[in-house]
Amino acid sequence: MMYDGHWFGGGFMWIFWILLILAIIWVVKAVTSGTTSANQQKSALEILRERYARGELDHEEFERRKKDLL
């Protein structure tokens, strides 16, 4: 077998760049998923207030459900 320095070095260079790109993608996903999961965890009272603010519940329904939660 003949040793070809360019192929050997070039092959490892491809692997290096592929691993680097995968690592960057992994870091970006880890950072963005951490912020979205924190925003998605709302309390039941916060959700109830949002629904009342959007007009999905009238005042009586809001107060009844709020009393049930507290």
N, C-alpha and C. Protein backbone atom coordinates (compact mmCIF):
# COMPACT_ATOMS: atom_id res chain seq x y z
N MET A 1 0.83 -1.18 0.00
CA MET A 1 0.00 0.00 0.00
C MET A 1 0.87 1.24 0.00
N MET A 2 0.37 2.24 -0.69
CA MET A 2 1.10 3.49 -0.73
C MET A 2 0.44 4.47 0.23
N TYR A 3 1.25 5.25 0.85
CA TYR A 3 0.75 6.28 1.75
C TYR A 3 0.63 7.58 0.98
N ASP A 4 -0.57 8.12 0.96
CA ASP A 4 -0.80 9.39 0.28
C ASP A 4 -1.10 10.43 1.36
N GLY A 5 -0.19 11.29 1.60
CA GLY A 5 -0.32 12.28 2.66
C GLY A 5 -1.53 13.18 2.50
N HIS A 6 -1.84 13.53 1.26
CA HIS A 6 -2.98 14.41 1.06
C HIS A 6 -4.30 13.72 1.39
N TRP A 7 -4.45 12.47 1.01
CA TRP A 7 -5.70 11.76 1.29
C TRP A 7 -5.85 11.54 2.78
N PHE A 8 -4.77 11.11 3.43
CA PHE A 8 -4.83 10.83 4.85
C PHE A 8 -5.16 12.11 5.63
N GLY A 9 -4.46 13.18 5.33
CA GLY A 9 -4.72 14.45 6.01
C GLY A 9 -6.06 15.04 5.61
N GLY A 10 -6.41 14.91 4.35
CA GLY A 10 -7.69 15.45 3.88
C GLY A 10 -8.87 14.71 4.46
N GLY A 11 -8.74 13.39 4.62
CA GLY A 11 -9.83 12.62 5.21
C GLY A 11 -10.10 13.02 6.65
N PHE A 12 -9.03 13.22 7.40
CA PHE A 12 -9.21 13.66 8.78
C PHE A 12 -9.72 15.09 8.84
N MET A 13 -9.38 15.89 7.86
CA MET A 13 -9.87 17.26 7.83
C MET A 13 -11.39 17.28 7.63
N TRP A 14 -11.90 16.41 6.76
CA TRP A 14 -13.35 16.31 6.56
C TRP A 14 -14.04 15.89 7.85
N ILE A 15 -13.47 14.90 8.52
CA ILE A 15 -14.06 14.42 9.78
C ILE A 15 -14.04 15.55 10.81
N PHE A 16 -12.96 16.30 10.88
CA PHE A 16 -12.86 17.41 11.82
C PHE A 16 -13.97 18.43 11.57
N TRP A 17 -14.15 18.84 10.31
CA TRP A 17 -15.17 19.85 10.00
C TRP A 17 -16.58 19.34 10.25
N ILE A 18 -16.82 18.10 9.93
CA ILE A 18 -18.15 17.52 10.18
C ILE A 18 -18.43 17.48 11.68
N LEU A 19 -17.46 17.05 12.47
CA LEU A 19 -17.64 17.01 13.92
C LEU A 19 -17.80 18.41 14.51
N LEU A 20 -17.07 19.36 13.97
CA LEU A 20 -17.19 20.74 14.44
C LEU A 20 -18.59 21.29 14.16
N ILE A 21 -19.10 21.06 12.97
CA ILE A 21 -20.45 21.54 12.62
C ILE A 21 -21.50 20.86 13.49
N LEU A 22 -21.37 19.56 13.70
CA LEU A 22 -22.32 18.84 14.57
C LEU A 22 -22.26 19.36 16.00
N ALA A 23 -21.07 19.68 16.48
CA ALA A 23 -20.94 20.21 17.84
C ALA A 23 -21.61 21.58 17.95
N ILE A 24 -21.45 22.42 16.94
CA ILE A 24 -22.08 23.74 16.95
C ILE A 24 -23.60 23.59 16.94
N ILE A 25 -24.12 22.71 16.11
CA ILE A 25 -25.57 22.49 16.06
C ILE A 25 -26.07 21.98 17.41
N TRP A 26 -25.34 21.07 18.03
CA TRP A 26 -25.73 20.53 19.33
C TRP A 26 -25.77 21.63 20.38
N VAL A 27 -24.77 22.51 20.40
CA VAL A 27 -24.73 23.59 21.38
C VAL A 27 -25.89 24.56 21.17
N VAL A 28 -26.16 24.91 19.92
CA VAL A 28 -27.26 25.83 19.63
C VAL A 28 -28.59 25.22 20.08
N LYS A 29 -28.82 23.94 19.81
CA LYS A 29 -30.05 23.30 20.24
C LYS A 29 -30.15 23.24 21.76
N ALA A 30 -29.06 22.96 22.43
CA ALA A 30 -29.07 22.88 23.89
C ALA A 30 -29.39 24.24 24.50
N VAL A 31 -28.83 25.29 23.93
CA VAL A 31 -29.07 26.63 24.47
C VAL A 31 -30.50 27.07 24.21
N THR A 32 -31.00 26.86 23.00
CA THR A 32 -32.35 27.32 22.68
C THR A 32 -33.43 26.48 23.34
N SER A 33 -33.22 25.20 23.52
CA SER A 33 -34.24 24.38 24.17
C SER A 33 -34.34 24.70 25.65
N GLY A 34 -33.26 25.12 26.27
CA GLY A 34 -33.30 25.50 27.68
C GLY A 34 -34.14 26.72 27.92
N THR A 35 -34.10 27.69 27.03
CA THR A 35 -34.89 28.91 27.22
C THR A 35 -36.35 28.67 26.92
N THR A 36 -36.66 27.84 25.94
CA THR A 36 -38.07 27.63 25.63
C THR A 36 -38.76 26.78 26.68
N SER A 37 -38.06 25.81 27.25
CA SER A 37 -38.71 24.99 28.27
C SER A 37 -38.99 25.80 29.52
N ALA A 38 -38.14 26.77 29.84
CA ALA A 38 -38.38 27.62 31.00
C ALA A 38 -39.60 28.51 30.77
N ASN A 39 -39.79 28.97 29.55
CA ASN A 39 -40.93 29.82 29.24
C ASN A 39 -42.23 29.04 29.20
N GLN A 40 -42.18 27.76 28.90
CA GLN A 40 -43.39 26.97 28.77
C GLN A 40 -43.95 26.54 30.12
N GLN A 41 -43.18 26.62 31.17
CA GLN A 41 -43.65 26.19 32.47
C GLN A 41 -44.34 27.34 33.18
N LYS A 42 -45.62 27.47 32.94
CA LYS A 42 -46.41 28.52 33.56
C LYS A 42 -47.29 27.89 34.62
N SER A 43 -47.60 28.67 35.62
CA SER A 43 -48.50 28.17 36.64
C SER A 43 -49.93 28.19 36.10
N ALA A 44 -50.78 27.44 36.76
CA ALA A 44 -52.18 27.38 36.35
C ALA A 44 -52.84 28.75 36.47
N LEU A 45 -52.45 29.51 37.48
CA LEU A 45 -53.03 30.84 37.67
C LEU A 45 -52.61 31.79 36.54
N GLU A 46 -51.37 31.69 36.09
CA GLU A 46 -50.92 32.52 34.96
C GLU A 46 -51.70 32.19 33.69
N ILE A 47 -51.91 30.91 33.45
CA ILE A 47 -52.68 30.49 32.28
C ILE A 47 -54.11 31.00 32.38
N LEU A 48 -54.69 30.91 33.57
CA LEU A 48 -56.05 31.39 33.79
C LEU A 48 -56.14 32.89 33.53
N ARG A 49 -55.16 33.64 34.01
CA ARG A 49 -55.15 35.09 33.79
C ARG A 49 -55.03 35.43 32.30
N GLU A 50 -54.20 34.67 31.59
CA GLU A 50 -54.06 34.91 30.15
C GLU A 50 -55.37 34.63 29.42
N ARG A 51 -56.04 33.56 29.80
CA ARG A 51 -57.32 33.24 29.15
C ARG A 51 -58.37 34.31 29.44
N TYR A 52 -58.36 34.85 30.65
CA TYR A 52 -59.27 35.93 31.01
C TYR A 52 -58.94 37.19 30.22
N ALA A 53 -57.66 37.48 30.07
CA ALA A 53 -57.23 38.67 29.32
C ALA A 53 -57.61 38.55 27.84
N ARG A 54 -57.57 37.34 27.30
CA ARG A 54 -57.95 37.15 25.89
C ARG A 54 -59.47 37.16 25.70
N GLY A 55 -60.21 37.14 26.77
CA GLY A 55 -61.66 37.16 26.66
C GLY A 55 -62.29 35.79 26.53
N GLU A 56 -61.53 34.73 26.80
CA GLU A 56 -62.08 33.38 26.72
C GLU A 56 -62.98 33.06 27.90
N LEU A 57 -62.77 33.76 29.02
CA LEU A 57 -63.57 33.55 30.22
C LEU A 57 -64.22 34.87 30.62
N ASP A 58 -65.45 34.78 31.12
CA ASP A 58 -66.05 35.98 31.68
C ASP A 58 -65.58 36.12 33.13
N HIS A 59 -65.97 37.23 33.78
CA HIS A 59 -65.47 37.53 35.11
C HIS A 59 -65.91 36.47 36.13
N GLU A 60 -67.14 36.03 36.04
CA GLU A 60 -67.64 35.03 36.99
C GLU A 60 -66.88 33.71 36.86
N GLU A 61 -66.66 33.27 35.63
CA GLU A 61 -65.92 32.02 35.40
C GLU A 61 -64.48 32.15 35.88
N PHE A 62 -63.87 33.31 35.61
CA PHE A 62 -62.50 33.55 36.07
C PHE A 62 -62.40 33.46 37.59
N GLU A 63 -63.31 34.15 38.28
CA GLU A 63 -63.28 34.14 39.75
C GLU A 63 -63.54 32.75 40.31
N ARG A 64 -64.45 32.00 39.70
CA ARG A 64 -64.75 30.65 40.18
C ARG A 64 -63.53 29.74 40.03
N ARG A 65 -62.89 29.80 38.88
CA ARG A 65 -61.72 28.96 38.65
C ARG A 65 -60.52 29.41 39.50
N LYS A 66 -60.39 30.71 39.69
CA LYS A 66 -59.31 31.20 40.53
C LYS A 66 -59.49 30.74 41.97
N LYS A 67 -60.74 30.73 42.43
CA LYS A 67 -61.04 30.26 43.79
C LYS A 67 -60.72 28.77 43.91
N ASP A 68 -60.99 28.01 42.86
CA ASP A 68 -60.68 26.58 42.87
C ASP A 68 -59.17 26.33 42.94
N LEU A 69 -58.40 27.20 42.29
CA LEU A 69 -56.95 27.03 42.29
C LEU A 69 -56.32 27.42 43.61
N LEU A 70 -56.87 28.45 44.25
CA LEU A 70 -56.27 28.93 45.50
C LEU A 70 -56.92 28.28 46.65
